[in-house]
Amino acid sequence: MAADGLRATTFPERCSHLFPSLADRVRRSKWGLKVALVLLHVIFVGVLFLLDADLIRKTKEEPWYTAMYLGFLVATLVQYFFTSGSSPGYVIDAMRVGNETCTTSMNSLMILNQSISRNNSFASSLTRNQLGRHNYRMNASSWLKLVMDLYPPGSSSRNWTCTYCNIIQPPRSKHCHDCDKCVLQFDHHCVWLGTCIGQGNHCRFWWYIFEESILCTWTVVLYIDLLSSKIIKAWWKEFFVIVLLAALIFCLAFLLLLLLFHSYLVLTNQTTYELVRRRRILYLRGIPERVHPFSRGICKNLYVFCCSRDGKYTMEAVPTMQELEAKARPYTCMDIMTCRCC
């Protein structure tokens, strides 16, 4: 009995040692959601191949059709894991990247100083400590200047200092309580992905819901073909297929609405947080709702969203009053001819 008790207590410890991610409750829940989503895909697709004799016959006659469907299923799941494992672009990482130039220059100065005073070890050590403290102050001050230049003149750093991370947030960033980090261009925290959606992975998230919408539409068509073929004889099997079809139609409607909503956000260069909490964001108060302050035009917004190589740590400045007045100006015939909206 004692040996069994010892074995029972050491087995979870061995599992947590072999799989460190299972020891954390948050990580367990994330992986549980991922496994559940994969199982849902397997169930919806597996029922088709178990009950649809026509699909099996079509697979033998035209294997390319089934290969395309299964290949698209695998590609969607790969995109899901690729998106869930990507970084949304954390402010702390942007701060580290923004300070690299300053750190590099200070390190060069330290090497030069060490080469001059290499004969005096005490002086070299003292100089290294002084430069290290100066380097830290320089990094903090350079980040403060870099961020405050993005806000309107006269803004106070206290208004933009995160009370949780104690760092100055650039415009369009927000602290995520689930990730416990500040995110650049924070959109929302996706429970199914287990990560935030921000500047670094918003494009990947859009492509994921696009692929998921196509896969769901394709699966709905196959389910409708299965019911219309009258192959299923048992009433409980047909009822089970109808329940699955209803669930698929509900998921498809949700995915299409989500895809349209995020497409609108992309075209206007907005985030979900900015759209929903517009009146709570200080630099967006007083701006008419029909004015999108960060929009550069439809074509430029699409290019920056899909093709920009500036990196996931680029930060946008709050538009000036002159720029906001120009965007609020009503459209004229000349504006339409010159494609002002683009």
C-alpha atoms as a PDB file:
ATOM      1  CA  MET A   1       0.000   0.000   0.000  1.00  0.00           C
ATOM      2  CA  ALA A   2       2.839   2.367   0.827  1.00  0.00           C
ATOM      3  CA  ALA A   3       4.478   1.620  -2.491  1.00  0.00           C
ATOM      4  CA  ASP A   4       1.187   2.331  -4.314  1.00  0.00           C
ATOM      5  CA  GLY A   5       0.823   5.635  -2.462  1.00  0.00           C
ATOM      6  CA  LEU A   6       4.381   6.600  -3.348  1.00  0.00           C
ATOM      7  CA  ARG A   7       3.780   5.665  -6.967  1.00  0.00           C
ATOM      8  CA  ALA A   8       0.550   7.728  -7.037  1.00  0.00           C
ATOM      9  CA  THR A   9       2.295  10.819  -5.706  1.00  0.00           C
ATOM     10  CA  THR A  10       5.327  10.587  -7.969  1.00  0.00           C
ATOM     11  CA  PHE A  11       3.471   9.962 -11.242  1.00  0.00           C
ATOM     12  CA  PRO A  12       2.054  13.529 -11.577  1.00  0.00           C
ATOM     13  CA  GLU A  13       5.448  14.889 -10.698  1.00  0.00           C
ATOM     14  CA  ARG A  14       7.018  12.799 -13.433  1.00  0.00           C
ATOM     15  CA  CYS A  15       4.404  14.001 -15.916  1.00  0.00           C
ATOM     16  CA  SER A  16       4.979  17.636 -14.966  1.00  0.00           C
ATOM     17  CA  HIS A  17       8.729  17.066 -15.295  1.00  0.00           C
ATOM     18  CA  LEU A  18       8.366  15.500 -18.753  1.00  0.00           C
ATOM     19  CA  PHE A  19       5.730  18.017 -19.897  1.00  0.00           C
ATOM     20  CA  PRO A  20       6.364  21.371 -18.161  1.00  0.00           C
ATOM     21  CA  SER A  21       3.459  23.012 -19.980  1.00  0.00           C
ATOM     22  CA  LEU A  22       0.986  20.705 -18.171  1.00  0.00           C
ATOM     23  CA  ALA A  23       2.136  21.921 -14.775  1.00  0.00           C
ATOM     24  CA  ASP A  24       0.714  25.387 -15.397  1.00  0.00           C
ATOM     25  CA  ARG A  25      -3.070  25.666 -15.098  1.00  0.00           C
ATOM     26  CA  VAL A  26      -3.317  28.391 -17.754  1.00  0.00           C
ATOM     27  CA  ARG A  27      -1.278  26.384 -20.242  1.00  0.00           C
ATOM     28  CA  ARG A  28      -3.369  23.282 -19.552  1.00  0.00           C
ATOM     29  CA  SER A  29      -6.539  25.197 -20.373  1.00  0.00           C
ATOM     30  CA  LYS A  30      -4.981  26.555 -23.577  1.00  0.00           C
ATOM     31  CA  TRP A  31      -3.920  23.126 -24.738  1.00  0.00           C
ATOM     32  CA  GLY A  32      -7.308  21.737 -23.720  1.00  0.00           C
ATOM     33  CA  LEU A  33      -9.061  24.236 -25.992  1.00  0.00           C
ATOM     34  CA  LYS A  34      -6.693  23.405 -28.850  1.00  0.00           C
ATOM     35  CA  VAL A  35      -7.307  19.683 -28.466  1.00  0.00           C
ATOM     36  CA  ALA A  36     -11.077  20.307 -28.313  1.00  0.00           C
ATOM     37  CA  LEU A  37     -10.982  22.343 -31.529  1.00  0.00           C
ATOM     38  CA  VAL A  38      -9.005  19.635 -33.352  1.00  0.00           C
ATOM     39  CA  LEU A  39     -11.451  16.993 -32.106  1.00  0.00           C
ATOM     40  CA  LEU A  40     -14.401  19.041 -33.388  1.00  0.00           C
ATOM     41  CA  HIS A  41     -12.827  19.130 -36.847  1.00  0.00           C
ATOM     42  CA  VAL A  42     -12.183  15.386 -36.721  1.00  0.00           C
ATOM     43  CA  ILE A  43     -15.782  14.641 -35.626  1.00  0.00           C
ATOM     44  CA  PHE A  44     -17.433  16.785 -38.299  1.00  0.00           C
ATOM     45  CA  VAL A  45     -15.254  15.343 -41.051  1.00  0.00           C
ATOM     46  CA  GLY A  46     -15.224  11.787 -39.714  1.00  0.00           C
ATOM     47  CA  VAL A  47     -19.031  11.532 -39.706  1.00  0.00           C
ATOM     48  CA  LEU A  48     -19.056  12.308 -43.418  1.00  0.00           C
ATOM     49  CA  PHE A  49     -16.706   9.455 -44.289  1.00  0.00           C
ATOM     50  CA  LEU A  50     -18.532   7.050 -41.961  1.00  0.00           C
ATOM     51  CA  LEU A  51     -22.064   7.685 -43.268  1.00  0.00           C
ATOM     52  CA  ASP A  52     -21.713   9.057 -46.794  1.00  0.00           C
ATOM     53  CA  ALA A  53     -21.286   6.109 -49.179  1.00  0.00           C
ATOM     54  CA  ASP A  54     -21.411   8.435 -52.183  1.00  0.00           C
ATOM     55  CA  LEU A  55     -18.440  10.396 -50.835  1.00  0.00           C
ATOM     56  CA  ILE A  56     -16.467   7.179 -50.382  1.00  0.00           C
ATOM     57  CA  ARG A  57     -17.343   6.091 -53.913  1.00  0.00           C
ATOM     58  CA  LYS A  58     -16.399   9.527 -55.252  1.00  0.00           C
ATOM     59  CA  THR A  59     -13.120   9.293 -53.383  1.00  0.00           C
ATOM     60  CA  LYS A  60     -12.288   6.040 -55.186  1.00  0.00           C
ATOM     61  CA  GLU A  61     -13.291   7.454 -58.583  1.00  0.00           C
ATOM     62  CA  GLU A  62     -11.951  10.988 -58.164  1.00  0.00           C
ATOM     63  CA  PRO A  63      -9.440  10.969 -55.313  1.00  0.00           C
ATOM     64  CA  TRP A  64      -8.299  14.524 -56.108  1.00  0.00           C
ATOM     65  CA  TYR A  65     -11.570  15.962 -54.743  1.00  0.00           C
ATOM     66  CA  THR A  66     -11.191  14.313 -51.340  1.00  0.00           C
ATOM     67  CA  ALA A  67      -7.470  15.068 -51.336  1.00  0.00           C
ATOM     68  CA  MET A  68      -8.218  18.763 -51.869  1.00  0.00           C
ATOM     69  CA  TYR A  69     -10.771  18.765 -49.049  1.00  0.00           C
ATOM     70  CA  LEU A  70      -8.517  16.964 -46.571  1.00  0.00           C
ATOM     71  CA  GLY A  71      -5.537  19.075 -47.653  1.00  0.00           C
ATOM     72  CA  PHE A  72      -7.511  22.237 -46.973  1.00  0.00           C
ATOM     73  CA  LEU A  73      -8.531  20.825 -43.576  1.00  0.00           C
ATOM     74  CA  VAL A  74      -4.880  20.223 -42.677  1.00  0.00           C
ATOM     75  CA  ALA A  75      -3.888  23.682 -43.964  1.00  0.00           C
ATOM     76  CA  THR A  76      -6.577  25.296 -41.781  1.00  0.00           C
ATOM     77  CA  LEU A  77      -5.383  23.463 -38.684  1.00  0.00           C
ATOM     78  CA  VAL A  78      -1.768  24.387 -39.460  1.00  0.00           C
ATOM     79  CA  GLN A  79      -2.819  28.023 -39.804  1.00  0.00           C
ATOM     80  CA  TYR A  80      -4.623  27.759 -36.470  1.00  0.00           C
ATOM     81  CA  PHE A  81      -1.526  26.524 -34.620  1.00  0.00           C
ATOM     82  CA  PHE A  82       0.665  28.968 -36.523  1.00  0.00           C
ATOM     83  CA  THR A  83      -1.540  31.870 -35.411  1.00  0.00           C
ATOM     84  CA  SER A  84      -1.943  30.680 -31.821  1.00  0.00           C
ATOM     85  CA  GLY A  85       1.828  30.326 -31.464  1.00  0.00           C
ATOM     86  CA  SER A  86       2.652  33.745 -32.911  1.00  0.00           C
ATOM     87  CA  SER A  87       3.430  36.831 -30.874  1.00  0.00           C
ATOM     88  CA  PRO A  88       0.927  39.711 -31.041  1.00  0.00           C
ATOM     89  CA  GLY A  89       3.751  42.215 -30.549  1.00  0.00           C
ATOM     90  CA  TYR A  90       4.368  43.051 -26.916  1.00  0.00           C
ATOM     91  CA  VAL A  91       5.337  46.544 -25.812  1.00  0.00           C
ATOM     92  CA  ILE A  92       8.194  45.207 -23.690  1.00  0.00           C
ATOM     93  CA  ASP A  93       9.713  43.595 -26.798  1.00  0.00           C
ATOM     94  CA  ALA A  94       9.265  46.806 -28.775  1.00  0.00           C
ATOM     95  CA  MET A  95      10.984  48.667 -25.955  1.00  0.00           C
ATOM     96  CA  ARG A  96      13.880  46.228 -26.111  1.00  0.00           C
ATOM     97  CA  VAL A  97      14.182  46.571 -29.891  1.00  0.00           C
ATOM     98  CA  GLY A  98      13.909  50.357 -29.699  1.00  0.00           C
ATOM     99  CA  ASN A  99      16.775  50.509 -27.216  1.00  0.00           C
ATOM    100  CA  GLU A 100      19.106  48.277 -29.234  1.00  0.00           C
ATOM    101  CA  THR A 101      20.549  51.197 -31.180  1.00  0.00           C
ATOM    102  CA  CYS A 102      21.293  53.130 -28.004  1.00  0.00           C
ATOM    103  CA  THR A 103      22.760  50.039 -26.348  1.00  0.00           C
ATOM    104  CA  THR A 104      24.981  49.311 -29.336  1.00  0.00           C
ATOM    105  CA  SER A 105      26.402  52.826 -29.329  1.00  0.00           C
ATOM    106  CA  MET A 106      27.023  52.696 -25.580  1.00  0.00           C
ATOM    107  CA  ASN A 107      28.758  49.320 -25.898  1.00  0.00           C
ATOM    108  CA  SER A 108      31.007  50.744 -28.600  1.00  0.00           C
ATOM    109  CA  LEU A 109      31.895  53.607 -26.280  1.00  0.00           C
ATOM    110  CA  MET A 110      32.615  51.127 -23.485  1.00  0.00           C
ATOM    111  CA  ILE A 111      34.967  49.082 -25.694  1.00  0.00           C
ATOM    112  CA  LEU A 112      36.784  52.227 -26.771  1.00  0.00           C
ATOM    113  CA  ASN A 113      37.148  53.339 -23.172  1.00  0.00           C
ATOM    114  CA  GLN A 114      38.408  49.923 -22.107  1.00  0.00           C
ATOM    115  CA  SER A 115      41.037  49.923 -24.857  1.00  0.00           C
ATOM    116  CA  ILE A 116      42.325  53.288 -23.644  1.00  0.00           C
ATOM    117  CA  SER A 117      42.496  52.295 -19.980  1.00  0.00           C
ATOM    118  CA  ARG A 118      43.479  48.630 -20.384  1.00  0.00           C
ATOM    119  CA  ASN A 119      46.586  49.190 -18.259  1.00  0.00           C
ATOM    120  CA  ASN A 120      44.516  50.259 -15.238  1.00  0.00           C
ATOM    121  CA  SER A 121      42.125  47.494 -14.207  1.00  0.00           C
ATOM    122  CA  PHE A 122      40.478  49.514 -11.400  1.00  0.00           C
ATOM    123  CA  ALA A 123      39.760  52.461 -13.690  1.00  0.00           C
ATOM    124  CA  SER A 124      38.422  50.076 -16.342  1.00  0.00           C
ATOM    125  CA  SER A 125      36.047  48.435 -13.849  1.00  0.00           C
ATOM    126  CA  LEU A 126      34.882  51.796 -12.532  1.00  0.00           C
ATOM    127  CA  THR A 127      34.265  53.074 -16.067  1.00  0.00           C
ATOM    128  CA  ARG A 128      32.285  49.946 -16.951  1.00  0.00           C
ATOM    129  CA  ASN A 129      29.973  50.375 -13.956  1.00  0.00           C
ATOM    130  CA  GLN A 130      29.438  54.060 -14.678  1.00  0.00           C
ATOM    131  CA  LEU A 131      28.663  53.368 -18.328  1.00  0.00           C
ATOM    132  CA  GLY A 132      26.301  50.552 -17.352  1.00  0.00           C
ATOM    133  CA  ARG A 133      24.241  52.870 -15.136  1.00  0.00           C
ATOM    134  CA  HIS A 134      24.333  55.572 -17.800  1.00  0.00           C
ATOM    135  CA  ASN A 135      23.273  52.992 -20.387  1.00  0.00           C
ATOM    136  CA  TYR A 136      20.168  52.066 -18.353  1.00  0.00           C
ATOM    137  CA  ARG A 137      19.193  55.714 -17.845  1.00  0.00           C
ATOM    138  CA  MET A 138      19.770  56.354 -21.535  1.00  0.00           C
ATOM    139  CA  ASN A 139      17.547  53.426 -22.531  1.00  0.00           C
ATOM    140  CA  ALA A 140      14.705  54.557 -20.258  1.00  0.00           C
ATOM    141  CA  SER A 141      14.946  58.171 -21.384  1.00  0.00           C
ATOM    142  CA  SER A 142      15.192  57.244 -25.065  1.00  0.00           C
ATOM    143  CA  TRP A 143      12.037  55.080 -24.824  1.00  0.00           C
ATOM    144  CA  LEU A 144      10.232  57.879 -23.006  1.00  0.00           C
ATOM    145  CA  LYS A 145      11.176  60.388 -25.712  1.00  0.00           C
ATOM    146  CA  LEU A 146      10.345  57.937 -28.503  1.00  0.00           C
ATOM    147  CA  VAL A 147       6.855  57.240 -27.152  1.00  0.00           C
ATOM    148  CA  MET A 148       5.953  60.765 -26.046  1.00  0.00           C
ATOM    149  CA  ASP A 149       6.808  62.085 -29.521  1.00  0.00           C
ATOM    150  CA  LEU A 150       3.931  59.937 -30.794  1.00  0.00           C
ATOM    151  CA  TYR A 151       1.374  61.738 -28.621  1.00  0.00           C
ATOM    152  CA  PRO A 152       0.049  65.306 -29.049  1.00  0.00           C
ATOM    153  CA  PRO A 153       2.254  68.043 -27.537  1.00  0.00           C
ATOM    154  CA  GLY A 154       1.617  68.678 -23.869  1.00  0.00           C
ATOM    155  CA  SER A 155       0.659  65.084 -23.055  1.00  0.00           C
ATOM    156  CA  SER A 156       1.748  63.722 -19.695  1.00  0.00           C
ATOM    157  CA  SER A 157       3.549  60.393 -19.435  1.00  0.00           C
ATOM    158  CA  ARG A 158       1.406  59.555 -16.387  1.00  0.00           C
ATOM    159  CA  ASN A 159      -1.648  59.198 -18.621  1.00  0.00           C
ATOM    160  CA  TRP A 160       0.066  56.530 -20.722  1.00  0.00           C
ATOM    161  CA  THR A 161       1.953  54.586 -18.033  1.00  0.00           C
ATOM    162  CA  CYS A 162       0.594  51.072 -17.505  1.00  0.00           C
ATOM    163  CA  THR A 163      -0.292  50.510 -13.858  1.00  0.00           C
ATOM    164  CA  TYR A 164       0.486  46.786 -14.201  1.00  0.00           C
ATOM    165  CA  CYS A 165       3.691  46.742 -16.292  1.00  0.00           C
ATOM    166  CA  ASN A 166       4.890  50.192 -15.177  1.00  0.00           C
ATOM    167  CA  ILE A 167       6.008  51.022 -18.721  1.00  0.00           C
ATOM    168  CA  ILE A 168       4.872  53.828 -20.998  1.00  0.00           C
ATOM    169  CA  GLN A 169       2.399  52.565 -23.577  1.00  0.00           C
ATOM    170  CA  PRO A 170       2.636  53.748 -27.192  1.00  0.00           C
ATOM    171  CA  PRO A 171      -0.598  54.821 -28.921  1.00  0.00           C
ATOM    172  CA  ARG A 172      -3.060  52.015 -29.731  1.00  0.00           C
ATOM    173  CA  SER A 173      -1.572  49.655 -27.127  1.00  0.00           C
ATOM    174  CA  LYS A 174      -3.357  48.145 -24.128  1.00  0.00           C
ATOM    175  CA  HIS A 175      -2.589  45.853 -21.224  1.00  0.00           C
ATOM    176  CA  CYS A 176      -4.042  42.338 -21.588  1.00  0.00           C
ATOM    177  CA  HIS A 177      -4.954  40.801 -18.227  1.00  0.00           C
ATOM    178  CA  ASP A 178      -4.927  37.276 -19.671  1.00  0.00           C
ATOM    179  CA  CYS A 179      -1.405  37.554 -21.084  1.00  0.00           C
ATOM    180  CA  ASP A 180      -0.312  39.995 -18.338  1.00  0.00           C
ATOM    181  CA  LYS A 181       1.507  42.119 -20.921  1.00  0.00           C
ATOM    182  CA  CYS A 182       0.882  45.291 -22.900  1.00  0.00           C
ATOM    183  CA  VAL A 183       0.147  44.597 -26.578  1.00  0.00           C
ATOM    184  CA  LEU A 184       0.805  46.869 -29.558  1.00  0.00           C
ATOM    185  CA  GLN A 185      -2.377  47.689 -31.516  1.00  0.00           C
ATOM    186  CA  PHE A 186      -4.375  45.500 -29.126  1.00  0.00           C
ATOM    187  CA  ASP A 187      -7.467  44.075 -30.836  1.00  0.00           C
ATOM    188  CA  HIS A 188      -8.780  41.433 -28.427  1.00  0.00           C
ATOM    189  CA  HIS A 189      -7.762  38.313 -26.531  1.00  0.00           C
ATOM    190  CA  CYS A 190      -8.916  35.237 -28.442  1.00  0.00           C
ATOM    191  CA  VAL A 191      -9.903  32.417 -26.082  1.00  0.00           C
ATOM    192  CA  TRP A 192      -9.837  29.733 -28.780  1.00  0.00           C
ATOM    193  CA  LEU A 193      -6.355  30.702 -29.902  1.00  0.00           C
ATOM    194  CA  GLY A 194      -5.125  31.229 -26.360  1.00  0.00           C
ATOM    195  CA  THR A 195      -3.309  34.433 -27.267  1.00  0.00           C
ATOM    196  CA  CYS A 196      -3.871  38.114 -27.923  1.00  0.00           C
ATOM    197  CA  ILE A 197      -4.561  39.494 -31.369  1.00  0.00           C
ATOM    198  CA  GLY A 198      -2.416  42.525 -32.017  1.00  0.00           C
ATOM    199  CA  GLN A 199      -0.126  44.159 -34.511  1.00  0.00           C
ATOM    200  CA  GLY A 200       2.105  41.107 -34.874  1.00  0.00           C
ATOM    201  CA  ASN A 201      -0.539  38.472 -35.683  1.00  0.00           C
ATOM    202  CA  HIS A 202      -3.716  40.285 -36.790  1.00  0.00           C
ATOM    203  CA  CYS A 203      -3.009  39.411 -40.430  1.00  0.00           C
ATOM    204  CA  ARG A 204      -2.514  35.737 -39.573  1.00  0.00           C
ATOM    205  CA  PHE A 205      -5.742  35.795 -37.563  1.00  0.00           C
ATOM    206  CA  TRP A 206      -7.647  37.202 -40.559  1.00  0.00           C
ATOM    207  CA  TRP A 207      -6.296  34.477 -42.839  1.00  0.00           C
ATOM    208  CA  TYR A 208      -7.216  31.836 -40.274  1.00  0.00           C
ATOM    209  CA  ILE A 209     -10.882  32.881 -40.032  1.00  0.00           C
ATOM    210  CA  PHE A 210     -10.920  33.191 -43.843  1.00  0.00           C
ATOM    211  CA  GLU A 211      -9.712  29.594 -44.251  1.00  0.00           C
ATOM    212  CA  GLU A 212     -12.020  28.378 -41.492  1.00  0.00           C
ATOM    213  CA  SER A 213     -14.993  30.035 -43.217  1.00  0.00           C
ATOM    214  CA  ILE A 214     -14.199  28.300 -46.524  1.00  0.00           C
ATOM    215  CA  LEU A 215     -13.731  24.940 -44.792  1.00  0.00           C
ATOM    216  CA  CYS A 216     -16.996  25.341 -42.885  1.00  0.00           C
ATOM    217  CA  THR A 217     -18.876  26.275 -46.076  1.00  0.00           C
ATOM    218  CA  TRP A 218     -17.430  23.268 -47.888  1.00  0.00           C
ATOM    219  CA  THR A 219     -18.418  20.953 -45.021  1.00  0.00           C
ATOM    220  CA  VAL A 220     -21.967  22.352 -44.916  1.00  0.00           C
ATOM    221  CA  VAL A 221     -22.360  21.584 -48.640  1.00  0.00           C
ATOM    222  CA  LEU A 222     -21.184  18.000 -48.066  1.00  0.00           C
ATOM    223  CA  TYR A 223     -23.654  17.563 -45.181  1.00  0.00           C
ATOM    224  CA  ILE A 224     -26.518  18.882 -47.307  1.00  0.00           C
ATOM    225  CA  ASP A 225     -25.558  16.447 -50.087  1.00  0.00           C
ATOM    226  CA  LEU A 226     -25.538  13.630 -47.531  1.00  0.00           C
ATOM    227  CA  LEU A 227     -29.070  14.438 -46.324  1.00  0.00           C
ATOM    228  CA  SER A 228     -30.471  14.969 -49.821  1.00  0.00           C
ATOM    229  CA  SER A 229     -29.081  11.662 -51.102  1.00  0.00           C
ATOM    230  CA  LYS A 230     -31.364   9.650 -48.742  1.00  0.00           C
ATOM    231  CA  ILE A 231     -28.559   7.179 -48.046  1.00  0.00           C
ATOM    232  CA  ILE A 232     -29.112   7.189 -44.282  1.00  0.00           C
ATOM    233  CA  LYS A 233     -31.843   4.717 -43.293  1.00  0.00           C
ATOM    234  CA  ALA A 234     -31.766   4.842 -39.503  1.00  0.00           C
ATOM    235  CA  TRP A 235     -33.705   7.787 -38.087  1.00  0.00           C
ATOM    236  CA  TRP A 236     -31.252   8.402 -35.224  1.00  0.00           C
ATOM    237  CA  LYS A 237     -28.354   8.678 -37.653  1.00  0.00           C
ATOM    238  CA  GLU A 238     -30.267  11.214 -39.720  1.00  0.00           C
ATOM    239  CA  PHE A 239     -31.173  13.156 -36.578  1.00  0.00           C
ATOM    240  CA  PHE A 240     -27.500  13.170 -35.519  1.00  0.00           C
ATOM    241  CA  VAL A 241     -26.472  14.521 -38.935  1.00  0.00           C
ATOM    242  CA  ILE A 242     -29.153  17.243 -38.752  1.00  0.00           C
ATOM    243  CA  VAL A 243     -27.853  18.330 -35.331  1.00  0.00           C
ATOM    244  CA  LEU A 244     -24.309  18.506 -36.678  1.00  0.00           C
ATOM    245  CA  LEU A 245     -25.513  20.463 -39.716  1.00  0.00           C
ATOM    246  CA  ALA A 246     -27.331  22.966 -37.498  1.00  0.00           C
ATOM    247  CA  ALA A 247     -24.176  23.435 -35.430  1.00  0.00           C
ATOM    248  CA  LEU A 248     -22.149  23.911 -38.622  1.00  0.00           C
ATOM    249  CA  ILE A 249     -24.556  26.544 -39.957  1.00  0.00           C
ATOM    250  CA  PHE A 250     -24.346  28.418 -36.648  1.00  0.00           C
ATOM    251  CA  CYS A 251     -20.527  28.316 -36.756  1.00  0.00           C
ATOM    252  CA  LEU A 252     -20.549  29.422 -40.391  1.00  0.00           C
ATOM    253  CA  ALA A 253     -22.776  32.409 -39.640  1.00  0.00           C
ATOM    254  CA  PHE A 254     -20.506  33.415 -36.757  1.00  0.00           C
ATOM    255  CA  LEU A 255     -17.352  33.015 -38.865  1.00  0.00           C
ATOM    256  CA  LEU A 256     -18.748  35.046 -41.763  1.00  0.00           C
ATOM    257  CA  LEU A 257     -19.813  37.872 -39.462  1.00  0.00           C
ATOM    258  CA  LEU A 258     -16.408  37.796 -37.778  1.00  0.00           C
ATOM    259  CA  LEU A 259     -14.672  37.823 -41.166  1.00  0.00           C
ATOM    260  CA  LEU A 260     -16.732  40.785 -42.393  1.00  0.00           C
ATOM    261  CA  PHE A 261     -16.161  42.667 -39.150  1.00  0.00           C
ATOM    262  CA  HIS A 262     -12.389  42.247 -39.234  1.00  0.00           C
ATOM    263  CA  SER A 263     -12.308  43.067 -42.935  1.00  0.00           C
ATOM    264  CA  TYR A 264     -13.989  46.366 -42.084  1.00  0.00           C
ATOM    265  CA  LEU A 265     -11.413  46.952 -39.345  1.00  0.00           C
ATOM    266  CA  VAL A 266      -8.583  46.282 -41.801  1.00  0.00           C
ATOM    267  CA  LEU A 267      -9.974  48.628 -44.453  1.00  0.00           C
ATOM    268  CA  THR A 268     -10.342  51.447 -41.921  1.00  0.00           C
ATOM    269  CA  ASN A 269      -7.190  50.645 -39.896  1.00  0.00           C
ATOM    270  CA  GLN A 270      -9.023  50.164 -36.613  1.00  0.00           C
ATOM    271  CA  THR A 271      -8.998  47.580 -33.843  1.00  0.00           C
ATOM    272  CA  THR A 272     -11.878  45.996 -31.964  1.00  0.00           C
ATOM    273  CA  TYR A 273     -10.792  47.714 -28.763  1.00  0.00           C
ATOM    274  CA  GLU A 274     -10.679  51.155 -30.436  1.00  0.00           C
ATOM    275  CA  LEU A 275     -14.103  50.642 -31.977  1.00  0.00           C
ATOM    276  CA  VAL A 276     -15.797  49.394 -28.815  1.00  0.00           C
ATOM    277  CA  ARG A 277     -13.987  51.565 -26.238  1.00  0.00           C
ATOM    278  CA  ARG A 278     -13.564  54.686 -28.335  1.00  0.00           C
ATOM    279  CA  ARG A 279     -14.924  57.071 -25.701  1.00  0.00           C
ATOM    280  CA  ARG A 280     -12.600  55.666 -23.024  1.00  0.00           C
ATOM    281  CA  ILE A 281      -9.410  56.311 -25.017  1.00  0.00           C
ATOM    282  CA  LEU A 282      -8.176  59.821 -24.271  1.00  0.00           C
ATOM    283  CA  TYR A 283      -6.727  60.677 -27.687  1.00  0.00           C
ATOM    284  CA  LEU A 284      -9.895  59.449 -29.473  1.00  0.00           C
ATOM    285  CA  ARG A 285     -12.355  61.488 -27.428  1.00  0.00           C
ATOM    286  CA  GLY A 286     -14.038  64.254 -29.340  1.00  0.00           C
ATOM    287  CA  ILE A 287     -13.263  62.713 -32.738  1.00  0.00           C
ATOM    288  CA  PRO A 288     -16.438  62.022 -34.763  1.00  0.00           C
ATOM    289  CA  GLU A 289     -17.214  58.324 -35.106  1.00  0.00           C
ATOM    290  CA  ARG A 290     -17.224  58.530 -38.895  1.00  0.00           C
ATOM    291  CA  VAL A 291     -13.608  59.723 -38.820  1.00  0.00           C
ATOM    292  CA  HIS A 292     -10.979  56.985 -38.641  1.00  0.00           C
ATOM    293  CA  PRO A 293      -7.901  58.778 -37.288  1.00  0.00           C
ATOM    294  CA  PHE A 294      -5.310  56.141 -38.194  1.00  0.00           C
ATOM    295  CA  SER A 295      -6.649  55.346 -41.667  1.00  0.00           C
ATOM    296  CA  ARG A 296      -4.294  56.031 -44.587  1.00  0.00           C
ATOM    297  CA  GLY A 297      -6.812  55.098 -47.253  1.00  0.00           C
ATOM    298  CA  ILE A 298      -8.156  51.696 -48.251  1.00  0.00           C
ATOM    299  CA  CYS A 299      -5.265  50.709 -50.527  1.00  0.00           C
ATOM    300  CA  LYS A 300      -2.551  51.842 -48.134  1.00  0.00           C
ATOM    301  CA  ASN A 301      -4.314  50.168 -45.197  1.00  0.00           C
ATOM    302  CA  LEU A 302      -4.440  46.880 -47.094  1.00  0.00           C
ATOM    303  CA  TYR A 303      -0.792  47.167 -48.113  1.00  0.00           C
ATOM    304  CA  VAL A 304       0.381  47.883 -44.569  1.00  0.00           C
ATOM    305  CA  PHE A 305      -1.788  45.081 -43.175  1.00  0.00           C
ATOM    306  CA  CYS A 306      -0.747  42.402 -45.685  1.00  0.00           C
ATOM    307  CA  CYS A 307       2.559  43.359 -47.267  1.00  0.00           C
ATOM    308  CA  SER A 308       4.341  45.806 -44.994  1.00  0.00           C
ATOM    309  CA  ARG A 309       7.827  44.742 -43.920  1.00  0.00           C
ATOM    310  CA  ASP A 310       8.269  47.429 -41.279  1.00  0.00           C
ATOM    311  CA  GLY A 311       8.031  44.781 -38.563  1.00  0.00           C
ATOM    312  CA  LYS A 312       5.601  44.025 -35.767  1.00  0.00           C
ATOM    313  CA  TYR A 313       7.127  46.663 -33.475  1.00  0.00           C
ATOM    314  CA  THR A 314       6.323  49.758 -35.535  1.00  0.00           C
ATOM    315  CA  MET A 315       4.332  52.423 -33.714  1.00  0.00           C
ATOM    316  CA  GLU A 316       1.912  54.984 -35.139  1.00  0.00           C
ATOM    317  CA  ALA A 317       1.698  58.569 -33.988  1.00  0.00           C
ATOM    318  CA  VAL A 318      -1.588  60.172 -32.992  1.00  0.00           C
ATOM    319  CA  PRO A 319      -2.735  62.348 -35.928  1.00  0.00           C
ATOM    320  CA  THR A 320      -2.518  66.107 -35.548  1.00  0.00           C
ATOM    321  CA  MET A 321      -5.570  68.349 -35.539  1.00  0.00           C
ATOM    322  CA  GLN A 322      -4.837  69.413 -39.142  1.00  0.00           C
ATOM    323  CA  GLU A 323      -4.799  65.766 -40.268  1.00  0.00           C
ATOM    324  CA  LEU A 324      -8.031  65.032 -38.401  1.00  0.00           C
ATOM    325  CA  GLU A 325      -9.739  68.063 -39.935  1.00  0.00           C
ATOM    326  CA  ALA A 326      -8.645  66.914 -43.393  1.00  0.00           C
ATOM    327  CA  LYS A 327     -10.082  63.437 -42.767  1.00  0.00           C
ATOM    328  CA  ALA A 328     -13.322  64.901 -41.413  1.00  0.00           C
ATOM    329  CA  ARG A 329     -13.797  67.051 -44.502  1.00  0.00           C
ATOM    330  CA  PRO A 330     -16.840  65.896 -46.547  1.00  0.00           C
ATOM    331  CA  TYR A 331     -16.180  64.192 -49.858  1.00  0.00           C
ATOM    332  CA  THR A 332     -16.600  66.156 -53.058  1.00  0.00           C
ATOM    333  CA  CYS A 333     -16.818  65.061 -56.670  1.00  0.00           C
ATOM    334  CA  MET A 334     -13.148  65.871 -57.109  1.00  0.00           C
ATOM    335  CA  ASP A 335     -12.283  63.699 -54.109  1.00  0.00           C
ATOM    336  CA  ILE A 336     -14.180  60.799 -55.645  1.00  0.00           C
ATOM    337  CA  MET A 337     -12.424  61.284 -59.025  1.00  0.00           C
ATOM    338  CA  THR A 338      -9.013  61.418 -57.361  1.00  0.00           C
ATOM    339  CA  CYS A 339      -9.828  58.342 -55.190  1.00  0.00           C
ATOM    340  CA  ARG A 340      -9.334  60.164 -51.912  1.00  0.00           C
ATOM    341  CA  CYS A 341     -10.700  57.199 -49.964  1.00  0.00           C
ATOM    342  CA  CYS A 342      -7.942  55.001 -51.364  1.00  0.00           C
END
